[in-house]
Amino acid sequence: MSFTVLVTAATLAQSGVDLLAQVGARVLYLSDPNSVEEVERLMATEPVDAVISRTVQLSAKAIASCPTLKVISKHGVGVSNIDVEAATRRGIPVYMTPGTNAQSVAELTLGLMFAAARRIGWMDKELHEGRWSRAQDGVELQGKTLGLIGFGQVGRRVAAVCQALGMEVVAYDPALTDGVSPLLGVRIVPSLNELLRSSQVVSLHVPLNKHTRNMLGEAQFAAMPHGAILVNTARGEVVDELALIAALKSGQLHAAGLDTMAVEPLPLGSELATLPNVVLTPHVGGSTPAALAGMASGAARNVLSFLQGTPVEISACVNPQVLSTP
């Protein structure tokens, strides 16, 4: 039996393409990778069995309009662009590919941390424009405390490198108990406020949900040590951007390194892009060839295994209740 798989992007890494080709799947791609309307049109008019979801929104309308849809897999781990509730109402499992992009995201996190601490982006721009501007107010990270909000696979990789730099590392994750992590010697703190008060560098590694949306705002930035650094490779909506901009302008924050923003693509005229103490990248933390290959093959295996009746790792399912036998 042949399957129709919709990839909500213009391309898929060859590792995923090869897996789909091996079973003779018919694969549909978007001509505009940012078009919600194109996704909804294809779902309403094509016999789609499975969706491999990239970054564009997979709406409730799209899910409801496709009677043949059986399974969805995120190409990655963040499912905030998928209407999981709509899929759950239909009994459709939504899978993700945990760990496949963790190393790439961790490495970009470190890059943004270094760039923000030493104003690398600003100095690079100055030299490219012919000015010998030497910022000498950079932050030396050795001896500083790194606070990790979320302590999953990405956070653990970041922690290991930062400890090697001579940083103390603390983490807040509601899924973990207080104390010291036996894996890395990282101190687990019981509350977000305790982490913020003690951390000169804060790095976000949490999914976007009702508990994390705008979890960092005016009060939280005020609680951080003066001149702290924020790094966000999680989701832009976890941060109140107006409060972030105010903290950056006032000097409460020394700098920020952001791979994710509340609105993507970043709108023209965004104030974030005008601030000299902000380093920006366009949501590419998991977009190295190695990570893309891992996510593509992981997502393809998820949907094909489900469609062929082979068990998929239940921990990779974000709505496992739909897998229960009535």
C-alpha atoms as a PDB file:
ATOM      1  CA  MET A   1       0.000   0.000   0.000  1.00  0.00           C
ATOM      2  CA  SER A   2       1.317   3.423  -0.965  1.00  0.00           C
ATOM      3  CA  PHE A   3       1.137   6.363   1.408  1.00  0.00           C
ATOM      4  CA  THR A   4       0.827  10.095   0.772  1.00  0.00           C
ATOM      5  CA  VAL A   5       3.052  12.178   3.032  1.00  0.00           C
ATOM      6  CA  LEU A   6       2.902  15.964   3.207  1.00  0.00           C
ATOM      7  CA  VAL A   7       6.111  17.722   4.201  1.00  0.00           C
ATOM      8  CA  THR A   8       5.264  21.258   5.312  1.00  0.00           C
ATOM      9  CA  ALA A   9       8.402  22.704   3.744  1.00  0.00           C
ATOM     10  CA  ALA A  10       9.939  22.982   0.297  1.00  0.00           C
ATOM     11  CA  THR A  11      12.528  20.250   0.936  1.00  0.00           C
ATOM     12  CA  LEU A  12      13.440  17.369   3.203  1.00  0.00           C
ATOM     13  CA  ALA A  13      16.956  16.091   3.921  1.00  0.00           C
ATOM     14  CA  GLN A  14      17.980  13.161   1.746  1.00  0.00           C
ATOM     15  CA  SER A  15      17.993  10.749   4.679  1.00  0.00           C
ATOM     16  CA  GLY A  16      14.254  11.253   5.065  1.00  0.00           C
ATOM     17  CA  VAL A  17      13.592  11.269   1.320  1.00  0.00           C
ATOM     18  CA  ASP A  18      15.339   7.908   0.993  1.00  0.00           C
ATOM     19  CA  LEU A  19      13.274   6.284   3.733  1.00  0.00           C
ATOM     20  CA  LEU A  20      10.018   7.485   2.171  1.00  0.00           C
ATOM     21  CA  ALA A  21      11.159   6.355  -1.275  1.00  0.00           C
ATOM     22  CA  GLN A  22      11.928   2.857  -0.015  1.00  0.00           C
ATOM     23  CA  VAL A  23       8.219   2.252   0.623  1.00  0.00           C
ATOM     24  CA  GLY A  24       7.067   4.056  -2.510  1.00  0.00           C
ATOM     25  CA  ALA A  25       5.457   6.915  -0.638  1.00  0.00           C
ATOM     26  CA  ARG A  26       4.050   9.823  -2.587  1.00  0.00           C
ATOM     27  CA  VAL A  27       5.580  12.960  -1.051  1.00  0.00           C
ATOM     28  CA  LEU A  28       4.072  16.431  -1.325  1.00  0.00           C
ATOM     29  CA  TYR A  29       6.033  19.613  -0.569  1.00  0.00           C
ATOM     30  CA  LEU A  30       5.051  23.247  -0.142  1.00  0.00           C
ATOM     31  CA  SER A  31       5.952  25.774  -2.811  1.00  0.00           C
ATOM     32  CA  ASP A  32       5.873  28.466  -0.087  1.00  0.00           C
ATOM     33  CA  PRO A  33       7.277  27.116   3.203  1.00  0.00           C
ATOM     34  CA  ASN A  34       5.599  29.942   5.166  1.00  0.00           C
ATOM     35  CA  SER A  35       2.097  29.540   3.742  1.00  0.00           C
ATOM     36  CA  VAL A  36      -0.550  28.330   6.176  1.00  0.00           C
ATOM     37  CA  GLU A  37      -3.061  28.659   3.344  1.00  0.00           C
ATOM     38  CA  GLU A  38      -1.136  26.236   1.127  1.00  0.00           C
ATOM     39  CA  VAL A  39      -1.010  23.682   3.931  1.00  0.00           C
ATOM     40  CA  GLU A  40      -4.764  23.991   4.461  1.00  0.00           C
ATOM     41  CA  ARG A  41      -5.470  23.718   0.720  1.00  0.00           C
ATOM     42  CA  LEU A  42      -3.353  20.589   0.280  1.00  0.00           C
ATOM     43  CA  MET A  43      -4.846  18.951   3.361  1.00  0.00           C
ATOM     44  CA  ALA A  44      -8.357  19.620   2.092  1.00  0.00           C
ATOM     45  CA  THR A  45      -7.751  18.371  -1.451  1.00  0.00           C
ATOM     46  CA  GLU A  46      -5.151  15.592  -1.203  1.00  0.00           C
ATOM     47  CA  PRO A  47      -5.467  12.130   0.436  1.00  0.00           C
ATOM     48  CA  VAL A  48      -2.749  12.853   2.972  1.00  0.00           C
ATOM     49  CA  ASP A  49      -1.965   9.938   5.294  1.00  0.00           C
ATOM     50  CA  ALA A  50       0.796  11.614   7.265  1.00  0.00           C
ATOM     51  CA  VAL A  51       2.316  15.041   7.841  1.00  0.00           C
ATOM     52  CA  ILE A  52       5.965  15.759   8.546  1.00  0.00           C
ATOM     53  CA  SER A  53       5.647  19.185  10.154  1.00  0.00           C
ATOM     54  CA  ARG A  54       8.426  21.745   9.824  1.00  0.00           C
ATOM     55  CA  THR A  55       7.951  25.366  10.993  1.00  0.00           C
ATOM     56  CA  VAL A  56       4.747  26.614   9.337  1.00  0.00           C
ATOM     57  CA  GLN A  57       1.507  26.373  11.328  1.00  0.00           C
ATOM     58  CA  LEU A  58      -0.440  23.123  11.095  1.00  0.00           C
ATOM     59  CA  SER A  59      -3.837  24.467  12.042  1.00  0.00           C
ATOM     60  CA  ALA A  60      -6.979  22.895  13.433  1.00  0.00           C
ATOM     61  CA  LYS A  61      -8.654  23.751  10.134  1.00  0.00           C
ATOM     62  CA  ALA A  62      -6.054  21.801   8.177  1.00  0.00           C
ATOM     63  CA  ILE A  63      -6.278  18.792  10.490  1.00  0.00           C
ATOM     64  CA  ALA A  64     -10.085  18.756  10.476  1.00  0.00           C
ATOM     65  CA  SER A  65     -10.290  19.052   6.690  1.00  0.00           C
ATOM     66  CA  CYS A  66      -8.261  15.916   5.952  1.00  0.00           C
ATOM     67  CA  PRO A  67     -10.313  12.738   6.563  1.00  0.00           C
ATOM     68  CA  THR A  68      -7.441  10.454   5.513  1.00  0.00           C
ATOM     69  CA  LEU A  69      -4.916  11.878   8.021  1.00  0.00           C
ATOM     70  CA  LYS A  70      -3.602   9.221  10.406  1.00  0.00           C
ATOM     71  CA  VAL A  71      -0.365  10.502  11.954  1.00  0.00           C
ATOM     72  CA  ILE A  72       1.750  13.645  12.364  1.00  0.00           C
ATOM     73  CA  SER A  73       5.437  13.898  13.187  1.00  0.00           C
ATOM     74  CA  LYS A  74       7.268  17.061  14.074  1.00  0.00           C
ATOM     75  CA  HIS A  75      10.594  17.518  12.312  1.00  0.00           C
ATOM     76  CA  GLY A  76      12.234  18.381  15.646  1.00  0.00           C
ATOM     77  CA  VAL A  77      10.825  18.670  19.157  1.00  0.00           C
ATOM     78  CA  GLY A  78       8.854  21.931  19.468  1.00  0.00           C
ATOM     79  CA  VAL A  79       5.199  21.297  18.635  1.00  0.00           C
ATOM     80  CA  SER A  80       3.860  24.797  19.317  1.00  0.00           C
ATOM     81  CA  ASN A  81       3.103  25.222  15.585  1.00  0.00           C
ATOM     82  CA  ILE A  82       0.909  22.100  15.566  1.00  0.00           C
ATOM     83  CA  ASP A  83      -2.642  22.183  16.905  1.00  0.00           C
ATOM     84  CA  VAL A  84      -2.136  19.112  19.080  1.00  0.00           C
ATOM     85  CA  GLU A  85      -5.599  19.466  20.629  1.00  0.00           C
ATOM     86  CA  ALA A  86      -7.220  19.245  17.184  1.00  0.00           C
ATOM     87  CA  ALA A  87      -5.161  16.155  16.369  1.00  0.00           C
ATOM     88  CA  THR A  88      -6.057  14.583  19.708  1.00  0.00           C
ATOM     89  CA  ARG A  89      -9.763  15.145  19.092  1.00  0.00           C
ATOM     90  CA  ARG A  90      -9.357  13.152  15.881  1.00  0.00           C
ATOM     91  CA  GLY A  91      -7.375  10.409  17.633  1.00  0.00           C
ATOM     92  CA  ILE A  92      -4.284  11.274  15.596  1.00  0.00           C
ATOM     93  CA  PRO A  93      -0.927  10.785  17.346  1.00  0.00           C
ATOM     94  CA  VAL A  94       1.639  13.577  17.152  1.00  0.00           C
ATOM     95  CA  TYR A  95       5.241  12.430  17.374  1.00  0.00           C
ATOM     96  CA  MET A  96       8.508  14.324  17.660  1.00  0.00           C
ATOM     97  CA  THR A  97      12.187  13.474  17.149  1.00  0.00           C
ATOM     98  CA  PRO A  98      13.862  14.065  20.537  1.00  0.00           C
ATOM     99  CA  GLY A  99      17.626  14.406  20.623  1.00  0.00           C
ATOM    100  CA  THR A 100      18.158  14.629  16.882  1.00  0.00           C
ATOM    101  CA  ASN A 101      19.064  18.325  16.910  1.00  0.00           C
ATOM    102  CA  ALA A 102      20.285  18.663  20.514  1.00  0.00           C
ATOM    103  CA  GLN A 103      23.978  18.950  19.694  1.00  0.00           C
ATOM    104  CA  SER A 104      23.447  21.603  17.019  1.00  0.00           C
ATOM    105  CA  VAL A 105      21.158  23.669  19.251  1.00  0.00           C
ATOM    106  CA  ALA A 106      23.625  23.397  22.132  1.00  0.00           C
ATOM    107  CA  GLU A 107      26.493  24.591  19.942  1.00  0.00           C
ATOM    108  CA  LEU A 108      24.518  27.601  18.701  1.00  0.00           C
ATOM    109  CA  THR A 109      23.543  28.375  22.302  1.00  0.00           C
ATOM    110  CA  LEU A 110      27.229  28.553  23.179  1.00  0.00           C
ATOM    111  CA  GLY A 111      27.963  30.663  20.104  1.00  0.00           C
ATOM    112  CA  LEU A 112      25.273  33.173  21.034  1.00  0.00           C
ATOM    113  CA  MET A 113      26.505  33.220  24.634  1.00  0.00           C
ATOM    114  CA  PHE A 114      30.067  34.082  23.577  1.00  0.00           C
ATOM    115  CA  ALA A 115      28.905  36.605  20.989  1.00  0.00           C
ATOM    116  CA  ALA A 116      26.617  38.362  23.467  1.00  0.00           C
ATOM    117  CA  ALA A 117      29.218  38.401  26.225  1.00  0.00           C
ATOM    118  CA  ARG A 118      31.908  39.956  24.015  1.00  0.00           C
ATOM    119  CA  ARG A 119      29.782  42.019  21.555  1.00  0.00           C
ATOM    120  CA  ILE A 120      31.232  40.034  18.658  1.00  0.00           C
ATOM    121  CA  GLY A 121      28.373  40.837  16.270  1.00  0.00           C
ATOM    122  CA  TRP A 122      28.623  44.582  16.890  1.00  0.00           C
ATOM    123  CA  MET A 123      32.393  44.677  16.421  1.00  0.00           C
ATOM    124  CA  ASP A 124      32.157  42.570  13.265  1.00  0.00           C
ATOM    125  CA  LYS A 125      29.631  45.016  11.810  1.00  0.00           C
ATOM    126  CA  GLU A 126      31.787  47.998  12.765  1.00  0.00           C
ATOM    127  CA  LEU A 127      34.875  46.588  11.062  1.00  0.00           C
ATOM    128  CA  HIS A 128      32.953  45.607   7.950  1.00  0.00           C
ATOM    129  CA  GLU A 129      31.804  49.231   7.733  1.00  0.00           C
ATOM    130  CA  GLY A 130      35.350  50.550   8.040  1.00  0.00           C
ATOM    131  CA  ARG A 131      35.421  51.551  11.710  1.00  0.00           C
ATOM    132  CA  TRP A 132      38.050  50.286  14.163  1.00  0.00           C
ATOM    133  CA  SER A 133      35.645  50.078  17.111  1.00  0.00           C
ATOM    134  CA  ARG A 134      37.080  48.093  20.011  1.00  0.00           C
ATOM    135  CA  ALA A 135      34.505  47.110  22.622  1.00  0.00           C
ATOM    136  CA  GLN A 136      36.361  46.594  25.884  1.00  0.00           C
ATOM    137  CA  ASP A 137      33.412  45.994  28.175  1.00  0.00           C
ATOM    138  CA  GLY A 138      33.009  42.293  27.412  1.00  0.00           C
ATOM    139  CA  VAL A 139      31.983  39.828  30.098  1.00  0.00           C
ATOM    140  CA  GLU A 140      34.453  37.103  31.056  1.00  0.00           C
ATOM    141  CA  LEU A 141      32.419  33.967  31.665  1.00  0.00           C
ATOM    142  CA  GLN A 142      34.797  32.111  33.951  1.00  0.00           C
ATOM    143  CA  GLY A 143      33.538  32.338  37.524  1.00  0.00           C
ATOM    144  CA  LYS A 144      30.032  33.371  36.471  1.00  0.00           C
ATOM    145  CA  THR A 145      26.900  31.353  37.217  1.00  0.00           C
ATOM    146  CA  LEU A 146      24.917  29.957  34.284  1.00  0.00           C
ATOM    147  CA  GLY A 147      21.234  29.379  34.948  1.00  0.00           C
ATOM    148  CA  LEU A 148      19.568  26.830  32.691  1.00  0.00           C
ATOM    149  CA  ILE A 149      15.790  27.033  32.465  1.00  0.00           C
ATOM    150  CA  GLY A 150      15.028  23.509  31.339  1.00  0.00           C
ATOM    151  CA  PHE A 151      17.541  20.713  31.791  1.00  0.00           C
ATOM    152  CA  GLY A 152      16.953  18.301  28.947  1.00  0.00           C
ATOM    153  CA  GLN A 153      19.348  17.092  26.279  1.00  0.00           C
ATOM    154  CA  VAL A 154      20.336  20.559  25.066  1.00  0.00           C
ATOM    155  CA  GLY A 155      20.757  22.025  28.533  1.00  0.00           C
ATOM    156  CA  ARG A 156      22.955  19.141  29.649  1.00  0.00           C
ATOM    157  CA  ARG A 157      25.292  19.601  26.705  1.00  0.00           C
ATOM    158  CA  VAL A 158      25.549  23.334  27.385  1.00  0.00           C
ATOM    159  CA  ALA A 159      26.192  22.670  31.057  1.00  0.00           C
ATOM    160  CA  ALA A 160      29.124  20.353  30.348  1.00  0.00           C
ATOM    161  CA  VAL A 161      30.913  22.919  28.178  1.00  0.00           C
ATOM    162  CA  CYS A 162      30.266  25.809  30.546  1.00  0.00           C
ATOM    163  CA  GLN A 163      31.576  23.860  33.510  1.00  0.00           C
ATOM    164  CA  ALA A 164      34.768  23.274  31.526  1.00  0.00           C
ATOM    165  CA  LEU A 165      35.008  27.064  31.125  1.00  0.00           C
ATOM    166  CA  GLY A 166      34.941  27.433  34.897  1.00  0.00           C
ATOM    167  CA  MET A 167      31.298  28.463  35.244  1.00  0.00           C
ATOM    168  CA  GLU A 168      29.025  27.269  38.031  1.00  0.00           C
ATOM    169  CA  VAL A 169      25.821  25.826  36.582  1.00  0.00           C
ATOM    170  CA  VAL A 170      22.379  25.778  38.171  1.00  0.00           C
ATOM    171  CA  ALA A 171      19.167  24.562  36.591  1.00  0.00           C
ATOM    172  CA  TYR A 172      15.443  24.923  37.109  1.00  0.00           C
ATOM    173  CA  ASP A 173      13.188  22.264  35.657  1.00  0.00           C
ATOM    174  CA  PRO A 174       9.828  21.383  37.230  1.00  0.00           C
ATOM    175  CA  ALA A 175      10.362  17.773  36.184  1.00  0.00           C
ATOM    176  CA  LEU A 176      13.415  17.475  38.440  1.00  0.00           C
ATOM    177  CA  THR A 177      13.747  17.409  42.209  1.00  0.00           C
ATOM    178  CA  ASP A 178      15.937  19.779  44.194  1.00  0.00           C
ATOM    179  CA  GLY A 179      19.548  18.935  44.838  1.00  0.00           C
ATOM    180  CA  VAL A 180      22.560  18.127  42.718  1.00  0.00           C
ATOM    181  CA  SER A 181      22.282  16.361  39.371  1.00  0.00           C
ATOM    182  CA  PRO A 182      24.315  13.142  39.639  1.00  0.00           C
ATOM    183  CA  LEU A 183      25.036  13.329  35.915  1.00  0.00           C
ATOM    184  CA  LEU A 184      26.893  16.639  35.809  1.00  0.00           C
ATOM    185  CA  GLY A 185      27.128  18.029  39.304  1.00  0.00           C
ATOM    186  CA  VAL A 186      24.697  20.770  38.308  1.00  0.00           C
ATOM    187  CA  ARG A 187      22.737  22.242  41.220  1.00  0.00           C
ATOM    188  CA  ILE A 188      18.971  21.908  40.710  1.00  0.00           C
ATOM    189  CA  VAL A 189      17.072  24.805  42.297  1.00  0.00           C
ATOM    190  CA  PRO A 190      13.420  24.663  43.396  1.00  0.00           C
ATOM    191  CA  SER A 191      12.141  27.831  41.744  1.00  0.00           C
ATOM    192  CA  LEU A 192      12.625  30.099  38.763  1.00  0.00           C
ATOM    193  CA  ASN A 193      13.148  33.118  41.022  1.00  0.00           C
ATOM    194  CA  GLU A 194      15.996  31.426  42.876  1.00  0.00           C
ATOM    195  CA  LEU A 195      17.713  30.656  39.582  1.00  0.00           C
ATOM    196  CA  LEU A 196      17.288  34.197  38.269  1.00  0.00           C
ATOM    197  CA  ARG A 197      18.648  35.850  41.416  1.00  0.00           C
ATOM    198  CA  SER A 198      21.905  33.916  41.238  1.00  0.00           C
ATOM    199  CA  SER A 199      22.594  33.701  37.481  1.00  0.00           C
ATOM    200  CA  GLN A 200      24.726  36.169  35.522  1.00  0.00           C
ATOM    201  CA  VAL A 201      23.879  34.207  32.352  1.00  0.00           C
ATOM    202  CA  VAL A 202      20.445  32.678  31.743  1.00  0.00           C
ATOM    203  CA  SER A 203      19.759  30.253  28.898  1.00  0.00           C
ATOM    204  CA  LEU A 204      16.291  29.034  27.898  1.00  0.00           C
ATOM    205  CA  HIS A 205      15.657  25.391  26.976  1.00  0.00           C
ATOM    206  CA  VAL A 206      11.917  24.884  27.470  1.00  0.00           C
ATOM    207  CA  PRO A 207       9.019  24.122  25.128  1.00  0.00           C
ATOM    208  CA  LEU A 208       6.329  26.709  24.485  1.00  0.00           C
ATOM    209  CA  ASN A 209       3.112  25.966  26.347  1.00  0.00           C
ATOM    210  CA  LYS A 210       0.628  27.727  28.623  1.00  0.00           C
ATOM    211  CA  HIS A 211       3.076  27.475  31.524  1.00  0.00           C
ATOM    212  CA  THR A 212       6.093  28.912  29.704  1.00  0.00           C
ATOM    213  CA  ARG A 213       4.557  31.634  27.525  1.00  0.00           C
ATOM    214  CA  ASN A 214       5.956  35.005  28.717  1.00  0.00           C
ATOM    215  CA  MET A 215       7.652  33.282  31.670  1.00  0.00           C
ATOM    216  CA  LEU A 216      10.360  35.966  31.546  1.00  0.00           C
ATOM    217  CA  GLY A 217       8.998  39.496  31.849  1.00  0.00           C
ATOM    218  CA  GLU A 218       9.687  42.760  33.637  1.00  0.00           C
ATOM    219  CA  ALA A 219       9.729  41.265  37.147  1.00  0.00           C
ATOM    220  CA  GLN A 220      11.994  38.401  36.139  1.00  0.00           C
ATOM    221  CA  PHE A 221      14.526  40.648  34.391  1.00  0.00           C
ATOM    222  CA  ALA A 222      14.558  42.917  37.429  1.00  0.00           C
ATOM    223  CA  ALA A 223      15.356  39.914  39.625  1.00  0.00           C
ATOM    224  CA  MET A 224      18.474  39.050  37.618  1.00  0.00           C
ATOM    225  CA  PRO A 225      21.873  40.513  38.567  1.00  0.00           C
ATOM    226  CA  HIS A 226      22.563  43.862  36.892  1.00  0.00           C
ATOM    227  CA  GLY A 227      24.410  43.331  33.619  1.00  0.00           C
ATOM    228  CA  ALA A 228      23.235  39.747  33.110  1.00  0.00           C
ATOM    229  CA  ILE A 229      23.073  37.994  29.734  1.00  0.00           C
ATOM    230  CA  LEU A 230      20.056  36.188  28.247  1.00  0.00           C
ATOM    231  CA  VAL A 231      20.304  33.459  25.594  1.00  0.00           C
ATOM    232  CA  ASN A 232      17.180  32.053  23.946  1.00  0.00           C
ATOM    233  CA  THR A 233      17.334  29.104  21.568  1.00  0.00           C
ATOM    234  CA  ALA A 234      13.944  27.771  22.746  1.00  0.00           C
ATOM    235  CA  ARG A 235      10.898  29.761  21.582  1.00  0.00           C
ATOM    236  CA  GLY A 236      10.528  33.525  21.269  1.00  0.00           C
ATOM    237  CA  GLU A 237       7.158  33.617  22.988  1.00  0.00           C
ATOM    238  CA  VAL A 238       8.733  32.398  26.224  1.00  0.00           C
ATOM    239  CA  VAL A 239      10.010  35.969  26.627  1.00  0.00           C
ATOM    240  CA  ASP A 240       8.010  39.208  26.907  1.00  0.00           C
ATOM    241  CA  GLU A 241       9.884  41.071  24.175  1.00  0.00           C
ATOM    242  CA  LEU A 242       8.828  44.557  25.253  1.00  0.00           C
ATOM    243  CA  ALA A 243      10.197  43.871  28.736  1.00  0.00           C
ATOM    244  CA  LEU A 244      13.343  42.400  27.206  1.00  0.00           C
ATOM    245  CA  ILE A 245      13.928  45.483  25.056  1.00  0.00           C
ATOM    246  CA  ALA A 246      13.461  47.742  28.073  1.00  0.00           C
ATOM    247  CA  ALA A 247      15.960  45.705  30.118  1.00  0.00           C
ATOM    248  CA  LEU A 248      18.506  45.832  27.308  1.00  0.00           C
ATOM    249  CA  LYS A 249      18.097  49.590  26.888  1.00  0.00           C
ATOM    250  CA  SER A 250      18.420  50.296  30.599  1.00  0.00           C
ATOM    251  CA  GLY A 251      21.531  48.173  31.035  1.00  0.00           C
ATOM    252  CA  GLN A 252      19.805  45.767  33.409  1.00  0.00           C
ATOM    253  CA  LEU A 253      20.817  43.211  30.803  1.00  0.00           C
ATOM    254  CA  HIS A 254      24.308  43.498  29.322  1.00  0.00           C
ATOM    255  CA  ALA A 255      23.220  41.693  26.154  1.00  0.00           C
ATOM    256  CA  ALA A 256      21.020  39.011  24.650  1.00  0.00           C
ATOM    257  CA  GLY A 257      21.635  36.283  22.107  1.00  0.00           C
ATOM    258  CA  LEU A 258      18.402  35.264  20.390  1.00  0.00           C
ATOM    259  CA  ASP A 259      17.767  32.518  17.857  1.00  0.00           C
ATOM    260  CA  THR A 260      14.000  32.760  18.335  1.00  0.00           C
ATOM    261  CA  MET A 261      11.605  35.695  18.396  1.00  0.00           C
ATOM    262  CA  ALA A 262       7.924  36.100  19.212  1.00  0.00           C
ATOM    263  CA  VAL A 263       7.108  36.831  15.551  1.00  0.00           C
ATOM    264  CA  GLU A 264       9.011  34.990  12.841  1.00  0.00           C
ATOM    265  CA  PRO A 265      10.292  35.990  10.365  1.00  0.00           C
ATOM    266  CA  LEU A 266      11.401  39.033  12.364  1.00  0.00           C
ATOM    267  CA  PRO A 267       9.293  41.979  11.111  1.00  0.00           C
ATOM    268  CA  LEU A 268      11.012  44.840   9.325  1.00  0.00           C
ATOM    269  CA  GLY A 269      11.572  47.662  11.774  1.00  0.00           C
ATOM    270  CA  SER A 270      11.693  45.409  14.823  1.00  0.00           C
ATOM    271  CA  GLU A 271      13.359  47.258  17.670  1.00  0.00           C
ATOM    272  CA  LEU A 272      15.330  44.141  18.538  1.00  0.00           C
ATOM    273  CA  ALA A 273      17.279  44.558  15.310  1.00  0.00           C
ATOM    274  CA  THR A 274      18.273  48.124  16.210  1.00  0.00           C
ATOM    275  CA  LEU A 275      19.895  47.350  19.551  1.00  0.00           C
ATOM    276  CA  PRO A 276      23.697  47.062  19.517  1.00  0.00           C
ATOM    277  CA  ASN A 277      23.709  44.643  22.453  1.00  0.00           C
ATOM    278  CA  VAL A 278      21.527  42.019  20.760  1.00  0.00           C
ATOM    279  CA  VAL A 279      22.877  39.149  18.649  1.00  0.00           C
ATOM    280  CA  LEU A 280      20.230  37.670  16.341  1.00  0.00           C
ATOM    281  CA  THR A 281      20.061  34.487  14.285  1.00  0.00           C
ATOM    282  CA  PRO A 282      16.973  33.387  12.279  1.00  0.00           C
ATOM    283  CA  HIS A 283      15.831  30.270  14.199  1.00  0.00           C
ATOM    284  CA  VAL A 284      18.594  28.029  12.883  1.00  0.00           C
ATOM    285  CA  GLY A 285      19.672  26.268  16.077  1.00  0.00           C
ATOM    286  CA  GLY A 286      18.696  22.875  14.693  1.00  0.00           C
ATOM    287  CA  SER A 287      19.426  23.642  11.065  1.00  0.00           C
ATOM    288  CA  THR A 288      22.871  22.168  10.468  1.00  0.00           C
ATOM    289  CA  PRO A 289      23.054  19.413   7.830  1.00  0.00           C
ATOM    290  CA  ALA A 290      23.698  16.843  10.564  1.00  0.00           C
ATOM    291  CA  ALA A 291      20.681  17.934  12.599  1.00  0.00           C
ATOM    292  CA  LEU A 292      18.420  18.228   9.550  1.00  0.00           C
ATOM    293  CA  ALA A 293      19.373  14.712   8.481  1.00  0.00           C
ATOM    294  CA  GLY A 294      18.622  13.344  11.931  1.00  0.00           C
ATOM    295  CA  MET A 295      15.269  15.109  12.177  1.00  0.00           C
ATOM    296  CA  ALA A 296      14.247  14.097   8.641  1.00  0.00           C
ATOM    297  CA  SER A 297      15.028  10.416   9.123  1.00  0.00           C
ATOM    298  CA  GLY A 298      13.489  10.437  12.608  1.00  0.00           C
ATOM    299  CA  ALA A 299      10.244  12.013  11.384  1.00  0.00           C
ATOM    300  CA  ALA A 300      10.059   9.679   8.378  1.00  0.00           C
ATOM    301  CA  ARG A 301      10.563   6.643  10.613  1.00  0.00           C
ATOM    302  CA  ASN A 302       7.862   7.895  12.986  1.00  0.00           C
ATOM    303  CA  VAL A 303       5.171   8.218  10.332  1.00  0.00           C
ATOM    304  CA  LEU A 304       6.125   5.090   8.394  1.00  0.00           C
ATOM    305  CA  SER A 305       6.313   2.938  11.511  1.00  0.00           C
ATOM    306  CA  PHE A 306       2.870   4.067  12.589  1.00  0.00           C
ATOM    307  CA  LEU A 307       1.349   3.631   9.123  1.00  0.00           C
ATOM    308  CA  GLN A 308       2.878   0.144   8.817  1.00  0.00           C
ATOM    309  CA  GLY A 309       1.691  -0.919  12.263  1.00  0.00           C
ATOM    310  CA  THR A 310       5.136  -1.003  13.867  1.00  0.00           C
ATOM    311  CA  PRO A 311       5.283   0.401  17.420  1.00  0.00           C
ATOM    312  CA  VAL A 312       6.842   3.846  17.757  1.00  0.00           C
ATOM    313  CA  GLU A 313       8.638   4.808  20.974  1.00  0.00           C
ATOM    314  CA  ILE A 314       5.828   6.095  23.179  1.00  0.00           C
ATOM    315  CA  SER A 315       8.088   8.723  24.780  1.00  0.00           C
ATOM    316  CA  ALA A 316       8.269  10.400  21.364  1.00  0.00           C
ATOM    317  CA  CYS A 317       4.470  10.917  21.327  1.00  0.00           C
ATOM    318  CA  VAL A 318       3.181  14.196  22.736  1.00  0.00           C
ATOM    319  CA  ASN A 319      -0.431  12.964  23.045  1.00  0.00           C
ATOM    320  CA  PRO A 320      -0.028   9.307  24.057  1.00  0.00           C
ATOM    321  CA  GLN A 321      -3.617   9.129  25.276  1.00  0.00           C
ATOM    322  CA  VAL A 322      -4.722   8.578  21.669  1.00  0.00           C
ATOM    323  CA  LEU A 323      -2.670   5.375  21.580  1.00  0.00           C
ATOM    324  CA  SER A 324      -4.645   3.780  24.413  1.00  0.00           C
ATOM    325  CA  THR A 325      -6.951   0.982  23.471  1.00  0.00           C
ATOM    326  CA  PRO A 326     -10.579   2.025  24.075  1.00  0.00           C
END
